C-alpha atoms as a PDB file:
ATOM      1  CA  MET A   1     117.204  94.218  73.120  1.00  0.00           C
ATOM      2  CA  VAL A   2     120.171  92.240  74.441  1.00  0.00           C
ATOM      3  CA  LYS A   3     123.234  94.377  75.103  1.00  0.00           C
ATOM      4  CA  SER A   4     126.747  93.045  75.765  1.00  0.00           C
ATOM      5  CA  THR A   5     128.440  94.339  78.907  1.00  0.00           C
ATOM      6  CA  GLY A   6     131.876  93.075  77.909  1.00  0.00           C
ATOM      7  CA  ILE A   7     132.148  91.398  81.331  1.00  0.00           C
ATOM      8  CA  ILE A   8     133.227  87.758  81.404  1.00  0.00           C
ATOM      9  CA  ARG A   9     133.070  85.583  84.519  1.00  0.00           C
ATOM     10  CA  LYS A  10     134.041  81.942  85.093  1.00  0.00           C
ATOM     11  CA  VAL A  11     131.697  79.428  86.696  1.00  0.00           C
ATOM     12  CA  ASP A  12     133.144  77.992  89.939  1.00  0.00           C
ATOM     13  CA  GLU A  13     133.092  74.357  91.109  1.00  0.00           C
ATOM     14  CA  LEU A  14     129.581  74.769  92.537  1.00  0.00           C
ATOM     15  CA  GLY A  15     128.154  76.334  89.361  1.00  0.00           C
ATOM     16  CA  ARG A  16     128.183  79.892  90.704  1.00  0.00           C
ATOM     17  CA  ILE A  17     129.094  83.149  89.021  1.00  0.00           C
ATOM     18  CA  VAL A  18     129.589  86.557  90.595  1.00  0.00           C
ATOM     19  CA  LEU A  19     127.472  89.437  89.332  1.00  0.00           C
ATOM     20  CA  PRO A  20     129.696  92.528  89.265  1.00  0.00           C
ATOM     21  CA  ILE A  21     128.797  95.231  91.770  1.00  0.00           C
ATOM     22  CA  GLU A  22     128.324  97.750  88.927  1.00  0.00           C
ATOM     23  CA  LEU A  23     125.545  95.616  87.436  1.00  0.00           C
ATOM     24  CA  ARG A  24     123.966  94.923  90.828  1.00  0.00           C
ATOM     25  CA  ASN A  25     123.926  98.636  91.611  1.00  0.00           C
ATOM     26  CA  LYS A  26     122.583  99.586  88.176  1.00  0.00           C
ATOM     27  CA  LEU A  27     119.773  96.994  88.386  1.00  0.00           C
ATOM     28  CA  ASN A  28     119.069  97.620  92.094  1.00  0.00           C
ATOM     29  CA  ILE A  29     119.913  94.036  93.116  1.00  0.00           C
ATOM     30  CA  ALA A  30     120.746  93.708  96.805  1.00  0.00           C
ATOM     31  CA  VAL A  31     122.145  90.817  98.819  1.00  0.00           C
ATOM     32  CA  LYS A  32     119.582  87.987  99.081  1.00  0.00           C
ATOM     33  CA  ASP A  33     117.260  89.477  96.431  1.00  0.00           C
ATOM     34  CA  PRO A  34     115.529  86.686  94.491  1.00  0.00           C
ATOM     35  CA  ILE A  35     116.610  86.291  90.868  1.00  0.00           C
ATOM     36  CA  GLU A  36     114.538  84.526  88.186  1.00  0.00           C
ATOM     37  CA  ILE A  37     116.340  82.330  85.669  1.00  0.00           C
ATOM     38  CA  TYR A  38     115.031  82.017  82.099  1.00  0.00           C
ATOM     39  CA  VAL A  39     116.353  80.009  79.162  1.00  0.00           C
ATOM     40  CA  ASP A  40     116.000  81.298  75.595  1.00  0.00           C
ATOM     41  CA  GLY A  41     117.557  78.836  73.167  1.00  0.00           C
ATOM     42  CA  SER A  42     121.192  78.614  74.247  1.00  0.00           C
ATOM     43  CA  SER A  43     121.021  81.807  76.346  1.00  0.00           C
ATOM     44  CA  ILE A  44     120.515  82.100  80.107  1.00  0.00           C
ATOM     45  CA  ILE A  45     118.688  85.238  81.215  1.00  0.00           C
ATOM     46  CA  LEU A  46     118.781  86.467  84.829  1.00  0.00           C
ATOM     47  CA  LYS A  47     116.101  88.871  86.021  1.00  0.00           C
ATOM     48  CA  LYS A  48     115.373  90.382  89.412  1.00  0.00           C
ATOM     49  CA  TYR A  49     112.215  88.682  90.633  1.00  0.00           C
ATOM     50  CA  GLU A  50     109.115  90.845  90.949  1.00  0.00           C
ATOM     51  CA  PRO A  51     105.912  89.273  92.227  1.00  0.00           C
ATOM     52  CA  ASN A  52     103.039  89.711  89.757  1.00  0.00           C
ATOM     53  CA  CYS A  53      99.268  89.340  89.644  1.00  0.00           C
ATOM     54  CA  ILE A  54      98.431  85.795  88.521  1.00  0.00           C
ATOM     55  CA  PHE A  55      95.753  87.145  86.159  1.00  0.00           C
ATOM     56  CA  CYS A  56      97.099  90.276  84.467  1.00  0.00           C
ATOM     57  CA  GLY A  57     100.811  90.273  85.371  1.00  0.00           C
ATOM     58  CA  SER A  58     100.742  93.676  87.072  1.00  0.00           C
ATOM     59  CA  SER A  59     103.245  94.207  89.887  1.00  0.00           C
ATOM     60  CA  LYS A  60     101.354  97.149  91.451  1.00  0.00           C
ATOM     61  CA  ASP A  61      98.912  97.097  94.382  1.00  0.00           C
ATOM     62  CA  LEU A  62      99.193  93.350  95.050  1.00  0.00           C
ATOM     63  CA  VAL A  63      97.118  91.603  97.688  1.00  0.00           C
ATOM     64  CA  THR A  64      96.927  87.952  98.676  1.00  0.00           C
ATOM     65  CA  TYR A  65      93.717  86.255  97.574  1.00  0.00           C
ATOM     66  CA  ASN A  66      93.347  82.519  98.361  1.00  0.00           C
ATOM     67  CA  ASN A  67      97.149  82.291  98.818  1.00  0.00           C
ATOM     68  CA  LYS A  68      97.764  83.845  95.370  1.00  0.00           C
ATOM     69  CA  LEU A  69      98.953  87.341  94.469  1.00  0.00           C
ATOM     70  CA  VAL A  70      96.268  89.416  92.760  1.00  0.00           C
ATOM     71  CA  CYS A  71      96.249  93.135  91.936  1.00  0.00           C
ATOM     72  CA  LYS A  72      93.431  95.247  93.334  1.00  0.00           C
ATOM     73  CA  LYS A  73      91.787  95.657  89.902  1.00  0.00           C
ATOM     74  CA  CYS A  74      91.588  91.894  89.383  1.00  0.00           C
ATOM     75  CA  GLN A  75      90.452  91.433  92.978  1.00  0.00           C
ATOM     76  CA  GLU A  76      87.554  93.812  92.291  1.00  0.00           C
ATOM     77  CA  LYS A  77      86.649  91.865  89.143  1.00  0.00           C
ATOM     78  CA  LEU A  78      86.748  88.628  91.137  1.00  0.00           C
ATOM     79  CA  SER A  79      84.522  90.022  93.854  1.00  0.00           C
ATOM     80  CA  ILE A  80      81.965  91.082  91.205  1.00  0.00           C
ATOM     81  CA  LEU A  81      81.958  87.544  89.787  1.00  0.00           C
ATOM     82  CA  VAL A  82      81.501  86.028  93.252  1.00  0.00           C
ATOM     83  CA  THR A  83      78.598  88.328  94.152  1.00  0.00           C
ATOM     84  CA  LYS A  84      76.770  87.540  90.881  1.00  0.00           C
ATOM     85  CA  ASP A  85      76.300  83.867  91.868  1.00  0.00           C
END
C-alpha cells in the first residue's frame, strides 16, 4: 500500500532529490547504500537494494555460483541436478 509522507522536495539542476533523514533512518538507508529505481505508470518507486537469489528471489544465505547470487537451497538443488548427469 502506498502511503503519503507529506514531504515534498524539488529536483535540482542535476536531477537529484534529497531523501529526508527521518525516512533514511526509518528505512535503514545509510550513505552510499544502493537504491533500486522502479517505474509504475507515472510513479517512481525507490527501494533499498537487497541482493536476491536469481532463482527464487530469497535474500537469505546467498552464495556466489558461476558469478551469480544463489541461495543455499537453490544451490543444493543445482548440485543434485549436476550430479544426476
